[in-house]
PDB file of all heavy atoms in Angstrom:
ATOM      1  N   ASN A   1       0.836  -1.189   0.017  1.00  0.00           N
ATOM      2  CA  ASN A   1      -0.018   0.015   0.010  1.00  0.00           C
ATOM      3  C   ASN A   1       0.885   1.273  -0.010  1.00  0.00           C
ATOM      4  O   ASN A   1       1.878   1.328   0.727  1.00  0.00           O
ATOM      5  CB  ASN A   1      -0.912   0.041   1.238  1.00  0.00           C
ATOM      6  CG  ASN A   1      -2.014  -0.997   1.144  1.00  0.00           C
ATOM      7  OD1 ASN A   1      -2.475  -1.313   0.069  1.00  0.00           O
ATOM      8  ND2 ASN A   1      -2.460  -1.507   2.288  1.00  0.00           N
ATOM      9  N   ILE A   2       0.497   2.243  -0.811  1.00  0.00           N
ATOM     10  CA  ILE A   2       1.151   3.530  -0.819  1.00  0.00           C
ATOM     11  C   ILE A   2       0.068   4.581  -0.571  1.00  0.00           C
ATOM     12  O   ILE A   2      -0.744   4.897  -1.445  1.00  0.00           O
ATOM     13  CB  ILE A   2       1.818   3.856  -2.168  1.00  0.00           C
ATOM     14  CG1 ILE A   2       2.686   2.678  -2.654  1.00  0.00           C
ATOM     15  CG2 ILE A   2       2.682   5.122  -2.051  1.00  0.00           C
ATOM     16  CD1 ILE A   2       3.299   2.893  -4.036  1.00  0.00           C
ATOM     17  N   SER A   3       0.042   5.091   0.650  1.00  0.00           N
ATOM     18  CA  SER A   3      -1.012   5.982   1.052  1.00  0.00           C
ATOM     19  C   SER A   3      -1.090   7.220   0.176  1.00  0.00           C
ATOM     20  O   SER A   3      -0.097   7.911  -0.015  1.00  0.00           O
ATOM     21  CB  SER A   3      -0.789   6.413   2.530  1.00  0.00           C
ATOM     22  OG  SER A   3      -1.769   7.331   2.926  1.00  0.00           O
ATOM     23  N   GLY A   4      -2.249   7.467  -0.409  1.00  0.00           N
ATOM     24  CA  GLY A   4      -2.487   8.699  -1.146  1.00  0.00           C
ATOM     25  C   GLY A   4      -2.255   8.649  -2.646  1.00  0.00           C
ATOM     26  O   GLY A   4      -2.787   9.478  -3.373  1.00  0.00           O
ATOM     27  N   ILE A   5      -1.440   7.681  -3.111  1.00  0.00           N
ATOM     28  CA  ILE A   5      -1.113   7.686  -4.545  1.00  0.00           C
ATOM     29  C   ILE A   5      -1.374   6.340  -5.247  1.00  0.00           C
ATOM     30  O   ILE A   5      -1.126   6.223  -6.433  1.00  0.00           O
ATOM     31  CB  ILE A   5       0.324   8.131  -4.814  1.00  0.00           C
ATOM     32  CG1 ILE A   5       1.314   7.072  -4.248  1.00  0.00           C
ATOM     33  CG2 ILE A   5       0.633   9.481  -4.252  1.00  0.00           C
ATOM     34  CD1 ILE A   5       2.736   7.305  -4.720  1.00  0.00           C
ATOM     35  N   ASP A   6      -1.865   5.363  -4.516  1.00  0.00           N
ATOM     36  CA  ASP A   6      -2.059   4.059  -5.149  1.00  0.00           C
ATOM     37  C   ASP A   6      -3.101   4.095  -6.280  1.00  0.00           C
ATOM     38  O   ASP A   6      -2.901   3.485  -7.332  1.00  0.00           O
ATOM     39  CB  ASP A   6      -2.443   2.989  -4.105  1.00  0.00           C
ATOM     40  CG  ASP A   6      -3.546   3.412  -3.148  1.00  0.00           C
ATOM     41  OD1 ASP A   6      -4.040   4.560  -3.299  1.00  0.00           O
ATOM     42  OD2 ASP A   6      -3.922   2.660  -2.258  1.00  0.00           O
ATOM     43  N   GLU A   7      -4.165   4.887  -6.089  1.00  0.00           N
ATOM     44  CA  GLU A   7      -5.179   4.989  -7.147  1.00  0.00           C
ATOM     45  C   GLU A   7      -4.612   5.709  -8.370  1.00  0.00           C
ATOM     46  O   GLU A   7      -4.950   5.376  -9.510  1.00  0.00           O
ATOM     47  CB  GLU A   7      -6.430   5.713  -6.630  1.00  0.00           C
ATOM     48  CG  GLU A   7      -7.231   4.885  -5.658  1.00  0.00           C
ATOM     49  CD  GLU A   7      -7.698   3.578  -6.233  1.00  0.00           C
ATOM     50  OE1 GLU A   7      -8.100   3.532  -7.425  1.00  0.00           O
ATOM     51  OE2 GLU A   7      -7.620   2.529  -5.516  1.00  0.00           O
ATOM     52  N   MET A   8      -3.781   6.707  -8.134  1.00  0.00           N
ATOM     53  CA  MET A   8      -3.149   7.432  -9.252  1.00  0.00           C
ATOM     54  C   MET A   8      -2.259   6.510 -10.057  1.00  0.00           C
ATOM     55  O   MET A   8      -2.257   6.529 -11.273  1.00  0.00           O
ATOM     56  CB  MET A   8      -2.337   8.617  -8.695  1.00  0.00           C
ATOM     57  CG  MET A   8      -1.719   9.506  -9.794  1.00  0.00           C
ATOM     58  SD  MET A   8      -0.093   8.885 -10.382  1.00  0.00           S
ATOM     59  CE  MET A   8       0.903   9.185  -8.934  1.00  0.00           C
ATOM     60  N   LEU A   9      -1.500   5.632  -9.364  1.00  0.00           N
ATOM     61  CA  LEU A   9      -0.631   4.692 -10.046  1.00  0.00           C
ATOM     62  C   LEU A   9      -1.439   3.728 -10.920  1.00  0.00           C
ATOM     63  O   LEU A   9      -1.124   3.422 -12.049  1.00  0.00           O
ATOM     64  CB  LEU A   9       0.219   3.913  -9.079  1.00  0.00           C
ATOM     65  CG  LEU A   9       1.346   4.669  -8.366  1.00  0.00           C
ATOM     66  CD1 LEU A   9       2.093   3.780  -7.384  1.00  0.00           C
ATOM     67  CD2 LEU A   9       2.318   5.271  -9.353  1.00  0.00           C
ATOM     68  N   LYS A  10      -2.542   3.235 -10.345  1.00  0.00           N
ATOM     69  CA  LYS A  10      -3.445   2.354 -11.126  1.00  0.00           C
ATOM     70  C   LYS A  10      -3.942   3.046 -12.391  1.00  0.00           C
ATOM     71  O   LYS A  10      -3.965   2.434 -13.444  1.00  0.00           O
ATOM     72  CB  LYS A  10      -4.639   1.942 -10.234  1.00  0.00           C
ATOM     73  CG  LYS A  10      -4.364   0.933  -9.149  1.00  0.00           C
ATOM     74  CD  LYS A  10      -5.657   0.599  -8.425  1.00  0.00           C
ATOM     75  CE  LYS A  10      -5.436  -0.383  -7.328  1.00  0.00           C
ATOM     76  NZ  LYS A  10      -6.694  -0.716  -6.606  1.00  0.00           N
ATOM     77  N   GLN A  11      -4.378   4.298 -12.210  1.00  0.00           N
ATOM     78  CA  GLN A  11      -4.933   5.013 -13.355  1.00  0.00           C
ATOM     79  C   GLN A  11      -3.923   5.230 -14.470  1.00  0.00           C
ATOM     80  O   GLN A  11      -4.212   5.056 -15.631  1.00  0.00           O
ATOM     81  CB  GLN A  11      -5.457   6.376 -12.862  1.00  0.00           C
ATOM     82  CG  GLN A  11      -6.217   7.170 -13.897  1.00  0.00           C
ATOM     83  CD  GLN A  11      -7.526   6.488 -14.346  1.00  0.00           C
ATOM     84  OE1 GLN A  11      -8.153   5.831 -13.553  1.00  0.00           O
ATOM     85  NE2 GLN A  11      -7.892   6.670 -15.593  1.00  0.00           N
ATOM     86  N   GLU A  12      -2.674   5.591 -14.073  1.00  0.00           N
ATOM     87  CA  GLU A  12      -1.644   5.847 -15.074  1.00  0.00           C
ATOM     88  C   GLU A  12      -1.264   4.569 -15.824  1.00  0.00           C
ATOM     89  O   GLU A  12      -1.024   4.584 -17.030  1.00  0.00           O
ATOM     90  CB  GLU A  12      -0.409   6.470 -14.391  1.00  0.00           C
ATOM     91  CG  GLU A  12      -0.636   7.828 -13.796  1.00  0.00           C
ATOM     92  CD  GLU A  12      -1.025   8.885 -14.828  1.00  0.00           C
ATOM     93  OE1 GLU A  12      -0.533   8.802 -16.000  1.00  0.00           O
ATOM     94  OE2 GLU A  12      -1.811   9.780 -14.485  1.00  0.00           O
ATOM     95  N   LEU A  13      -1.193   3.446 -15.119  1.00  0.00           N
ATOM     96  CA  LEU A  13      -0.794   2.179 -15.746  1.00  0.00           C
ATOM     97  C   LEU A  13      -1.897   1.575 -16.610  1.00  0.00           C
ATOM     98  O   LEU A  13      -1.610   0.709 -17.427  1.00  0.00           O
ATOM     99  CB  LEU A  13      -0.382   1.165 -14.668  1.00  0.00           C
ATOM    100  CG  LEU A  13       0.957   1.478 -13.967  1.00  0.00           C
ATOM    101  CD1 LEU A  13       1.174   0.564 -12.797  1.00  0.00           C
ATOM    102  CD2 LEU A  13       2.108   1.372 -14.966  1.00  0.00           C
ATOM    103  N   LYS A  14      -3.122   2.102 -16.507  1.00  0.00           N
ATOM    104  CA  LYS A  14      -4.192   1.642 -17.372  1.00  0.00           C
ATOM    105  C   LYS A  14      -3.895   1.942 -18.833  1.00  0.00           C
ATOM    106  O   LYS A  14      -4.374   1.269 -19.735  1.00  0.00           O
ATOM    107  CB  LYS A  14      -5.521   2.308 -16.987  1.00  0.00           C
ATOM    108  CG  LYS A  14      -6.241   1.599 -15.836  1.00  0.00           C
ATOM    109  CD  LYS A  14      -7.602   2.258 -15.601  1.00  0.00           C
ATOM    110  CE  LYS A  14      -8.334   1.540 -14.477  1.00  0.00           C
ATOM    111  NZ  LYS A  14      -9.671   2.160 -14.223  1.00  0.00           N
ATOM    112  N   HIS A  15      -3.095   2.967 -19.052  1.00  0.00           N
ATOM    113  CA  HIS A  15      -2.735   3.331 -20.443  1.00  0.00           C
ATOM    114  C   HIS A  15      -2.014   2.204 -21.132  1.00  0.00           C
ATOM    115  O   HIS A  15      -1.980   2.111 -22.359  1.00  0.00           O
ATOM    116  CB  HIS A  15      -1.860   4.586 -20.471  1.00  0.00           C
ATOM    117  CG  HIS A  15      -2.548   5.837 -19.996  1.00  0.00           C
ATOM    118  ND1 HIS A  15      -3.525   6.446 -20.683  1.00  0.00           N
ATOM    119  CD2 HIS A  15      -2.352   6.563 -18.861  1.00  0.00           C
ATOM    120  CE1 HIS A  15      -3.949   7.536 -20.023  1.00  0.00           C
ATOM    121  NE2 HIS A  15      -3.259   7.620 -18.936  1.00  0.00           N
ATOM    122  N   PHE A  16      -1.372   1.299 -20.362  1.00  0.00           N
ATOM    123  CA  PHE A  16      -0.620   0.188 -20.894  1.00  0.00           C
ATOM    124  C   PHE A  16      -1.249  -1.147 -20.590  1.00  0.00           C
ATOM    125  O   PHE A  16      -0.614  -2.192 -20.682  1.00  0.00           O
ATOM    126  CB  PHE A  16       0.823   0.256 -20.382  1.00  0.00           C
ATOM    127  CG  PHE A  16       1.496   1.571 -20.705  1.00  0.00           C
ATOM    128  CD1 PHE A  16       1.591   2.524 -19.724  1.00  0.00           C
ATOM    129  CD2 PHE A  16       1.998   1.851 -21.946  1.00  0.00           C
ATOM    130  CE1 PHE A  16       2.207   3.768 -19.985  1.00  0.00           C
ATOM    131  CE2 PHE A  16       2.590   3.062 -22.236  1.00  0.00           C
ATOM    132  CZ  PHE A  16       2.701   4.025 -21.243  1.00  0.00           C
ATOM    133  N   ASP A  17      -2.489  -1.121 -20.126  1.00  0.00           N
ATOM    134  CA  ASP A  17      -3.239  -2.370 -19.780  1.00  0.00           C
ATOM    135  C   ASP A  17      -2.544  -3.152 -18.711  1.00  0.00           C
ATOM    136  O   ASP A  17      -2.580  -4.418 -18.715  1.00  0.00           O
ATOM    137  CB  ASP A  17      -3.471  -3.221 -21.033  1.00  0.00           C
ATOM    138  CG  ASP A  17      -4.338  -2.518 -22.067  1.00  0.00           C
ATOM    139  OD1 ASP A  17      -5.287  -1.829 -21.654  1.00  0.00           O
ATOM    140  OD2 ASP A  17      -4.050  -2.634 -23.267  1.00  0.00           O
ATOM    141  N   VAL A  18      -1.835  -2.480 -17.820  1.00  0.00           N
ATOM    142  CA  VAL A  18      -1.161  -3.124 -16.683  1.00  0.00           C
ATOM    143  C   VAL A  18      -1.964  -2.918 -15.403  1.00  0.00           C
ATOM    144  O   VAL A  18      -2.290  -1.760 -15.078  1.00  0.00           O
ATOM    145  CB  VAL A  18       0.282  -2.598 -16.513  1.00  0.00           C
ATOM    146  CG1 VAL A  18       0.903  -3.176 -15.259  1.00  0.00           C
ATOM    147  CG2 VAL A  18       1.105  -2.904 -17.748  1.00  0.00           C
ATOM    148  N   ALA A  19      -2.273  -3.992 -14.731  1.00  0.00           N
ATOM    149  CA  ALA A  19      -3.096  -3.930 -13.482  1.00  0.00           C
ATOM    150  C   ALA A  19      -2.222  -4.227 -12.288  1.00  0.00           C
ATOM    151  O   ALA A  19      -1.447  -5.165 -12.276  1.00  0.00           O
ATOM    152  CB  ALA A  19      -4.252  -4.897 -13.546  1.00  0.00           C
ATOM    153  N   VAL A  20      -2.336  -3.394 -11.284  1.00  0.00           N
ATOM    154  CA  VAL A  20      -1.577  -3.571 -10.020  1.00  0.00           C
ATOM    155  C   VAL A  20      -2.547  -3.624  -8.851  1.00  0.00           C
ATOM    156  O   VAL A  20      -3.447  -2.821  -8.718  1.00  0.00           O
ATOM    157  CB  VAL A  20      -0.591  -2.392  -9.813  1.00  0.00           C
ATOM    158  CG1 VAL A  20       0.134  -2.555  -8.495  1.00  0.00           C
ATOM    159  CG2 VAL A  20       0.405  -2.278 -10.955  1.00  0.00           C
ATOM    160  N   LYS A  21      -2.335  -4.674  -8.008  1.00  0.00           N
ATOM    161  CA  LYS A  21      -3.101  -4.773  -6.796  1.00  0.00           C
ATOM    162  C   LYS A  21      -2.274  -4.232  -5.629  1.00  0.00           C
ATOM    163  O   LYS A  21      -1.071  -4.389  -5.609  1.00  0.00           O
ATOM    164  CB  LYS A  21      -3.450  -6.247  -6.539  1.00  0.00           C
ATOM    165  CG  LYS A  21      -4.233  -6.924  -7.638  1.00  0.00           C
ATOM    166  CD  LYS A  21      -4.365  -8.396  -7.357  1.00  0.00           C
ATOM    167  CE  LYS A  21      -5.016  -9.145  -8.524  1.00  0.00           C
ATOM    168  NZ  LYS A  21      -5.019 -10.608  -8.294  1.00  0.00           N
ATOM    169  N   PHE A  22      -2.933  -3.611  -4.648  1.00  0.00           N
ATOM    170  CA  PHE A  22      -2.233  -3.115  -3.483  1.00  0.00           C
ATOM    171  C   PHE A  22      -2.677  -3.904  -2.277  1.00  0.00           C
ATOM    172  O   PHE A  22      -3.853  -4.189  -2.112  1.00  0.00           O
ATOM    173  CB  PHE A  22      -2.472  -1.605  -3.289  1.00  0.00           C
ATOM    174  CG  PHE A  22      -1.764  -0.776  -4.320  1.00  0.00           C
ATOM    175  CD1 PHE A  22      -2.346  -0.497  -5.535  1.00  0.00           C
ATOM    176  CD2 PHE A  22      -0.489  -0.289  -4.081  1.00  0.00           C
ATOM    177  CE1 PHE A  22      -1.712   0.286  -6.520  1.00  0.00           C
ATOM    178  CE2 PHE A  22       0.196   0.474  -5.009  1.00  0.00           C
ATOM    179  CZ  PHE A  22      -0.424   0.759  -6.217  1.00  0.00           C
ATOM    180  N   ALA A  23      -1.718  -4.238  -1.404  1.00  0.00           N
ATOM    181  CA  ALA A  23      -1.997  -5.057  -0.220  1.00  0.00           C
ATOM    182  C   ALA A  23      -1.185  -4.576   0.967  1.00  0.00           C
ATOM    183  O   ALA A  23      -0.145  -3.905   0.830  1.00  0.00           O
ATOM    184  CB  ALA A  23      -1.698  -6.528  -0.513  1.00  0.00           C
ATOM    185  N   ASP A  24      -1.655  -4.922   2.147  1.00  0.00           N
ATOM    186  CA  ASP A  24      -0.937  -4.574   3.366  1.00  0.00           C
ATOM    187  C   ASP A  24       0.271  -5.543   3.571  1.00  0.00           C
ATOM    188  O   ASP A  24       0.065  -6.766   3.550  1.00  0.00           O
ATOM    189  CB  ASP A  24      -1.921  -4.680   4.589  1.00  0.00           C
ATOM    190  CG  ASP A  24      -1.333  -4.155   5.874  1.00  0.00           C
ATOM    191  OD1 ASP A  24      -0.081  -4.031   5.944  1.00  0.00           O
ATOM    192  OD2 ASP A  24      -2.107  -3.841   6.804  1.00  0.00           O
ATOM    193  N   SER A  25       1.421  -5.001   3.808  1.00  0.00           N
ATOM    194  CA  SER A  25       2.612  -5.826   3.937  1.00  0.00           C
ATOM    195  C   SER A  25       2.500  -6.778   5.136  1.00  0.00           C
ATOM    196  O   SER A  25       3.107  -7.859   5.124  1.00  0.00           O
ATOM    197  CB  SER A  25       3.847  -4.961   4.079  1.00  0.00           C
ATOM    198  OG  SER A  25       3.790  -4.140   5.238  1.00  0.00           O
ATOM    199  N   GLN A  26       1.783  -6.359   6.164  1.00  0.00           N
ATOM    200  CA  GLN A  26       1.674  -7.218   7.337  1.00  0.00           C
ATOM    201  C   GLN A  26       0.908  -8.520   7.054  1.00  0.00           C
ATOM    202  O   GLN A  26       1.070  -9.500   7.749  1.00  0.00           O
ATOM    203  CB  GLN A  26       0.944  -6.458   8.499  1.00  0.00           C
ATOM    204  CG  GLN A  26       1.766  -5.318   9.037  1.00  0.00           C
ATOM    205  CD  GLN A  26       1.124  -4.680  10.253  1.00  0.00           C
ATOM    206  OE1 GLN A  26       0.025  -5.040  10.671  1.00  0.00           O
ATOM    207  NE2 GLN A  26       1.822  -3.723  10.876  1.00  0.00           N
ATOM    208  N   ALA A  27       0.093  -8.472   5.978  1.00  0.00           N
ATOM    209  CA  ALA A  27      -0.673  -9.653   5.615  1.00  0.00           C
ATOM    210  C   ALA A  27      -0.010 -10.438   4.481  1.00  0.00           C
ATOM    211  O   ALA A  27      -0.488 -11.532   4.131  1.00  0.00           O
ATOM    212  CB  ALA A  27      -2.090  -9.258   5.210  1.00  0.00           C
ATOM    213  N   GLU A  28       1.046  -9.932   3.933  1.00  0.00           N
ATOM    214  CA  GLU A  28       1.701 -10.623   2.786  1.00  0.00           C
ATOM    215  C   GLU A  28       3.231 -10.663   3.014  1.00  0.00           C
ATOM    216  O   GLU A  28       3.908  -9.681   2.880  1.00  0.00           O
ATOM    217  CB  GLU A  28       1.379  -9.868   1.479  1.00  0.00           C
ATOM    218  CG  GLU A  28       2.081 -10.439   0.244  1.00  0.00           C
ATOM    219  CD  GLU A  28       1.927 -11.948   0.132  1.00  0.00           C
ATOM    220  OE1 GLU A  28       0.847 -12.428  -0.268  1.00  0.00           O
ATOM    221  OE2 GLU A  28       2.933 -12.632   0.420  1.00  0.00           O
ATOM    222  N   GLU A  29       3.714 -11.871   3.337  1.00  0.00           N
ATOM    223  CA  GLU A  29       5.117 -12.001   3.695  1.00  0.00           C
ATOM    224  C   GLU A  29       6.069 -11.724   2.553  1.00  0.00           C
ATOM    225  O   GLU A  29       7.199 -11.213   2.765  1.00  0.00           O
ATOM    226  CB  GLU A  29       5.390 -13.410   4.242  1.00  0.00           C
ATOM    227  CG  GLU A  29       4.800 -13.616   5.640  1.00  0.00           C
ATOM    228  CD  GLU A  29       5.351 -14.841   6.314  1.00  0.00           C
ATOM    229  OE1 GLU A  29       5.572 -15.838   5.617  1.00  0.00           O
ATOM    230  OE2 GLU A  29       5.551 -14.776   7.549  1.00  0.00           O
ATOM    231  N   LEU A  30       5.680 -11.982   1.321  1.00  0.00           N
ATOM    232  CA  LEU A  30       6.606 -11.718   0.195  1.00  0.00           C
ATOM    233  C   LEU A  30       6.742 -10.205  -0.098  1.00  0.00           C
ATOM    234  O   LEU A  30       7.739  -9.759  -0.628  1.00  0.00           O
ATOM    235  CB  LEU A  30       6.189 -12.465  -1.030  1.00  0.00           C
ATOM    236  CG  LEU A  30       6.315 -14.013  -0.938  1.00  0.00           C
ATOM    237  CD1 LEU A  30       6.003 -14.682  -2.254  1.00  0.00           C
ATOM    238  CD2 LEU A  30       7.692 -14.400  -0.454  1.00  0.00           C
ATOM    239  N   ILE A  31       5.751  -9.422   0.321  1.00  0.00           N
ATOM    240  CA  ILE A  31       5.919  -7.972   0.281  1.00  0.00           C
ATOM    241  C   ILE A  31       6.944  -7.578   1.360  1.00  0.00           C
ATOM    242  O   ILE A  31       7.747  -6.672   1.151  1.00  0.00           O
ATOM    243  CB  ILE A  31       4.583  -7.230   0.495  1.00  0.00           C
ATOM    244  CG1 ILE A  31       3.713  -7.436  -0.745  1.00  0.00           C
ATOM    245  CG2 ILE A  31       4.793  -5.744   0.730  1.00  0.00           C
ATOM    246  CD1 ILE A  31       2.359  -6.690  -0.673  1.00  0.00           C
ATOM    247  N   GLN A  32       6.897  -8.212   2.525  1.00  0.00           N
ATOM    248  CA  GLN A  32       7.864  -7.954   3.564  1.00  0.00           C
ATOM    249  C   GLN A  32       9.261  -8.286   3.064  1.00  0.00           C
ATOM    250  O   GLN A  32      10.219  -7.544   3.350  1.00  0.00           O
ATOM    251  CB  GLN A  32       7.537  -8.805   4.790  1.00  0.00           C
ATOM    252  CG  GLN A  32       6.206  -8.462   5.473  1.00  0.00           C
ATOM    253  CD  GLN A  32       5.897  -9.378   6.623  1.00  0.00           C
ATOM    254  OE1 GLN A  32       6.801  -9.902   7.276  1.00  0.00           O
ATOM    255  NE2 GLN A  32       4.622  -9.618   6.888  1.00  0.00           N
ATOM    256  N   LEU A  33       9.397  -9.362   2.315  1.00  0.00           N
ATOM    257  CA  LEU A  33      10.710  -9.705   1.749  1.00  0.00           C
ATOM    258  C   LEU A  33      11.145  -8.651   0.757  1.00  0.00           C
ATOM    259  O   LEU A  33      12.345  -8.275   0.761  1.00  0.00           O
ATOM    260  CB  LEU A  33      10.610 -11.096   1.076  1.00  0.00           C
ATOM    261  CG  LEU A  33      11.866 -11.606   0.342  1.00  0.00           C
ATOM    262  CD1 LEU A  33      13.077 -11.586   1.239  1.00  0.00           C
ATOM    263  CD2 LEU A  33      11.629 -12.982  -0.238  1.00  0.00           C
TER     264      LEU A  33
END
């Protein structure tokens, strides 16, 4: 999760048909890694 700009990143990447999901690092160990 990136507070305040995650939706903006999603919107910009739509131009290239790239989808990004955002998740809490405490719930996803590979994000912690």
